[in-house]
């Protein structure tokens, strides 16, 4: 009997609705599970619930840019090891 492969989880952070929706759809059709949020505060809240395999973030996040967001990730024991990718709109 074959075991169903578990989908990799991606946390997608983008404040542009259309870009977030397009990227989410693309990743889901490429067999990833996606949690999509619009800002760093929501992203940090999601990280408290579930740790993804990868974080993809727009570089210009409202209120807190992605560099500040990544610095915040690197200071926490739970998230200091994450791979992250920044995108320019």
C-alpha atoms as a PDB file:
ATOM      1  CA  UNK A   1       0.000   0.000   0.000  1.00  0.00           C
ATOM      2  CA  UNK A   2       1.279   3.464  -0.891  1.00  0.00           C
ATOM      3  CA  UNK A   3       1.336   6.228   1.662  1.00  0.00           C
ATOM      4  CA  UNK A   4       0.046   9.597   0.474  1.00  0.00           C
ATOM      5  CA  UNK A   5       2.865  12.140   0.366  1.00  0.00           C
ATOM      6  CA  UNK A   6       2.317  15.071   2.734  1.00  0.00           C
ATOM      7  CA  UNK A   7       2.309  18.442   0.989  1.00  0.00           C
ATOM      8  CA  UNK A   8       5.000  20.941   1.923  1.00  0.00           C
ATOM      9  CA  UNK A   9       3.653  24.035   3.687  1.00  0.00           C
ATOM     10  CA  UNK A  10       4.441  27.540   2.431  1.00  0.00           C
ATOM     11  CA  UNK A  11       3.662  30.730   4.345  1.00  0.00           C
ATOM     12  CA  UNK A  12       2.968  33.446   1.771  1.00  0.00           C
ATOM     13  CA  UNK A  13       3.092  37.078   2.963  1.00  0.00           C
ATOM     14  CA  UNK A  14       1.943  39.721   0.470  1.00  0.00           C
ATOM     15  CA  UNK A  15      -0.257  42.764   0.995  1.00  0.00           C
ATOM     16  CA  UNK A  16      -1.341  42.918  -2.668  1.00  0.00           C
ATOM     17  CA  UNK A  17      -4.489  40.785  -2.915  1.00  0.00           C
ATOM     18  CA  UNK A  18      -4.136  39.931  -6.599  1.00  0.00           C
ATOM     19  CA  UNK A  19      -0.452  38.982  -6.365  1.00  0.00           C
ATOM     20  CA  UNK A  20      -1.132  36.916  -3.238  1.00  0.00           C
ATOM     21  CA  UNK A  21      -4.028  35.085  -4.925  1.00  0.00           C
ATOM     22  CA  UNK A  22      -2.064  34.362  -8.113  1.00  0.00           C
ATOM     23  CA  UNK A  23       0.966  33.087  -6.208  1.00  0.00           C
ATOM     24  CA  UNK A  24      -1.205  31.007  -3.869  1.00  0.00           C
ATOM     25  CA  UNK A  25      -3.033  29.396  -6.794  1.00  0.00           C
ATOM     26  CA  UNK A  26       0.235  28.636  -8.577  1.00  0.00           C
ATOM     27  CA  UNK A  27       1.757  27.022  -5.482  1.00  0.00           C
ATOM     28  CA  UNK A  28      -1.369  24.991  -4.767  1.00  0.00           C
ATOM     29  CA  UNK A  29      -1.467  23.654  -8.333  1.00  0.00           C
ATOM     30  CA  UNK A  30       2.218  22.744  -7.853  1.00  0.00           C
ATOM     31  CA  UNK A  31       1.174  20.526  -4.919  1.00  0.00           C
ATOM     32  CA  UNK A  32       2.015  22.830  -1.990  1.00  0.00           C
ATOM     33  CA  UNK A  33      -0.246  23.673   0.914  1.00  0.00           C
ATOM     34  CA  UNK A  34      -0.344  27.468   1.328  1.00  0.00           C
ATOM     35  CA  UNK A  35      -1.201  29.772   4.202  1.00  0.00           C
ATOM     36  CA  UNK A  36      -1.552  33.280   2.759  1.00  0.00           C
ATOM     37  CA  UNK A  37      -1.546  36.448   4.868  1.00  0.00           C
ATOM     38  CA  UNK A  38      -1.257  40.149   4.087  1.00  0.00           C
ATOM     39  CA  UNK A  39       1.226  41.427   6.690  1.00  0.00           C
ATOM     40  CA  UNK A  40       4.058  40.502   9.057  1.00  0.00           C
ATOM     41  CA  UNK A  41       1.850  40.615  12.166  1.00  0.00           C
ATOM     42  CA  UNK A  42      -0.490  37.978  10.722  1.00  0.00           C
ATOM     43  CA  UNK A  43       2.515  35.980   9.540  1.00  0.00           C
ATOM     44  CA  UNK A  44       3.970  35.889  13.064  1.00  0.00           C
ATOM     45  CA  UNK A  45       0.570  34.791  14.413  1.00  0.00           C
ATOM     46  CA  UNK A  46       0.474  31.952  11.876  1.00  0.00           C
ATOM     47  CA  UNK A  47       3.981  30.883  12.872  1.00  0.00           C
ATOM     48  CA  UNK A  48       2.730  30.430  16.434  1.00  0.00           C
ATOM     49  CA  UNK A  49       0.162  27.932  15.119  1.00  0.00           C
ATOM     50  CA  UNK A  50       2.074  26.012  12.466  1.00  0.00           C
ATOM     51  CA  UNK A  51       5.648  26.098  11.168  1.00  0.00           C
ATOM     52  CA  UNK A  52       5.984  26.105   7.369  1.00  0.00           C
ATOM     53  CA  UNK A  53       8.711  24.571   5.234  1.00  0.00           C
ATOM     54  CA  UNK A  54       9.278  27.892   3.452  1.00  0.00           C
ATOM     55  CA  UNK A  55       8.299  31.556   3.829  1.00  0.00           C
ATOM     56  CA  UNK A  56       7.758  33.702   0.727  1.00  0.00           C
ATOM     57  CA  UNK A  57       7.348  37.382   1.457  1.00  0.00           C
ATOM     58  CA  UNK A  58       6.944  40.561  -0.503  1.00  0.00           C
ATOM     59  CA  UNK A  59       9.863  42.848   0.277  1.00  0.00           C
ATOM     60  CA  UNK A  60       7.741  45.956   0.984  1.00  0.00           C
ATOM     61  CA  UNK A  61       5.369  44.899   3.738  1.00  0.00           C
ATOM     62  CA  UNK A  62       3.140  47.581   5.287  1.00  0.00           C
ATOM     63  CA  UNK A  63       4.237  48.696   8.729  1.00  0.00           C
ATOM     64  CA  UNK A  64       7.187  46.344   8.851  1.00  0.00           C
ATOM     65  CA  UNK A  65       9.384  45.531   5.848  1.00  0.00           C
ATOM     66  CA  UNK A  66      10.471  42.003   5.121  1.00  0.00           C
ATOM     67  CA  UNK A  67      14.000  42.639   6.431  1.00  0.00           C
ATOM     68  CA  UNK A  68      12.586  43.574   9.860  1.00  0.00           C
ATOM     69  CA  UNK A  69      10.270  40.578   9.629  1.00  0.00           C
ATOM     70  CA  UNK A  70      13.200  38.240   8.857  1.00  0.00           C
ATOM     71  CA  UNK A  71      15.281  39.773  11.654  1.00  0.00           C
ATOM     72  CA  UNK A  72      12.407  39.069  14.015  1.00  0.00           C
ATOM     73  CA  UNK A  73      12.329  35.449  12.794  1.00  0.00           C
ATOM     74  CA  UNK A  74      16.070  35.054  13.342  1.00  0.00           C
ATOM     75  CA  UNK A  75      15.843  36.165  16.985  1.00  0.00           C
ATOM     76  CA  UNK A  76      13.311  33.488  17.953  1.00  0.00           C
ATOM     77  CA  UNK A  77      14.501  29.987  18.765  1.00  0.00           C
ATOM     78  CA  UNK A  78      11.453  28.426  17.122  1.00  0.00           C
ATOM     79  CA  UNK A  79      11.982  30.191  13.767  1.00  0.00           C
ATOM     80  CA  UNK A  80      15.695  31.077  13.552  1.00  0.00           C
ATOM     81  CA  UNK A  81      16.438  28.279  11.051  1.00  0.00           C
ATOM     82  CA  UNK A  82      13.841  29.178   8.380  1.00  0.00           C
ATOM     83  CA  UNK A  83      14.515  29.574   4.709  1.00  0.00           C
ATOM     84  CA  UNK A  84      12.830  32.644   3.311  1.00  0.00           C
ATOM     85  CA  UNK A  85      12.418  34.214  -0.096  1.00  0.00           C
ATOM     86  CA  UNK A  86      11.646  37.895  -0.718  1.00  0.00           C
ATOM     87  CA  UNK A  87       9.853  39.093  -3.835  1.00  0.00           C
ATOM     88  CA  UNK A  88       9.729  42.554  -5.348  1.00  0.00           C
ATOM     89  CA  UNK A  89       6.281  43.686  -6.528  1.00  0.00           C
END
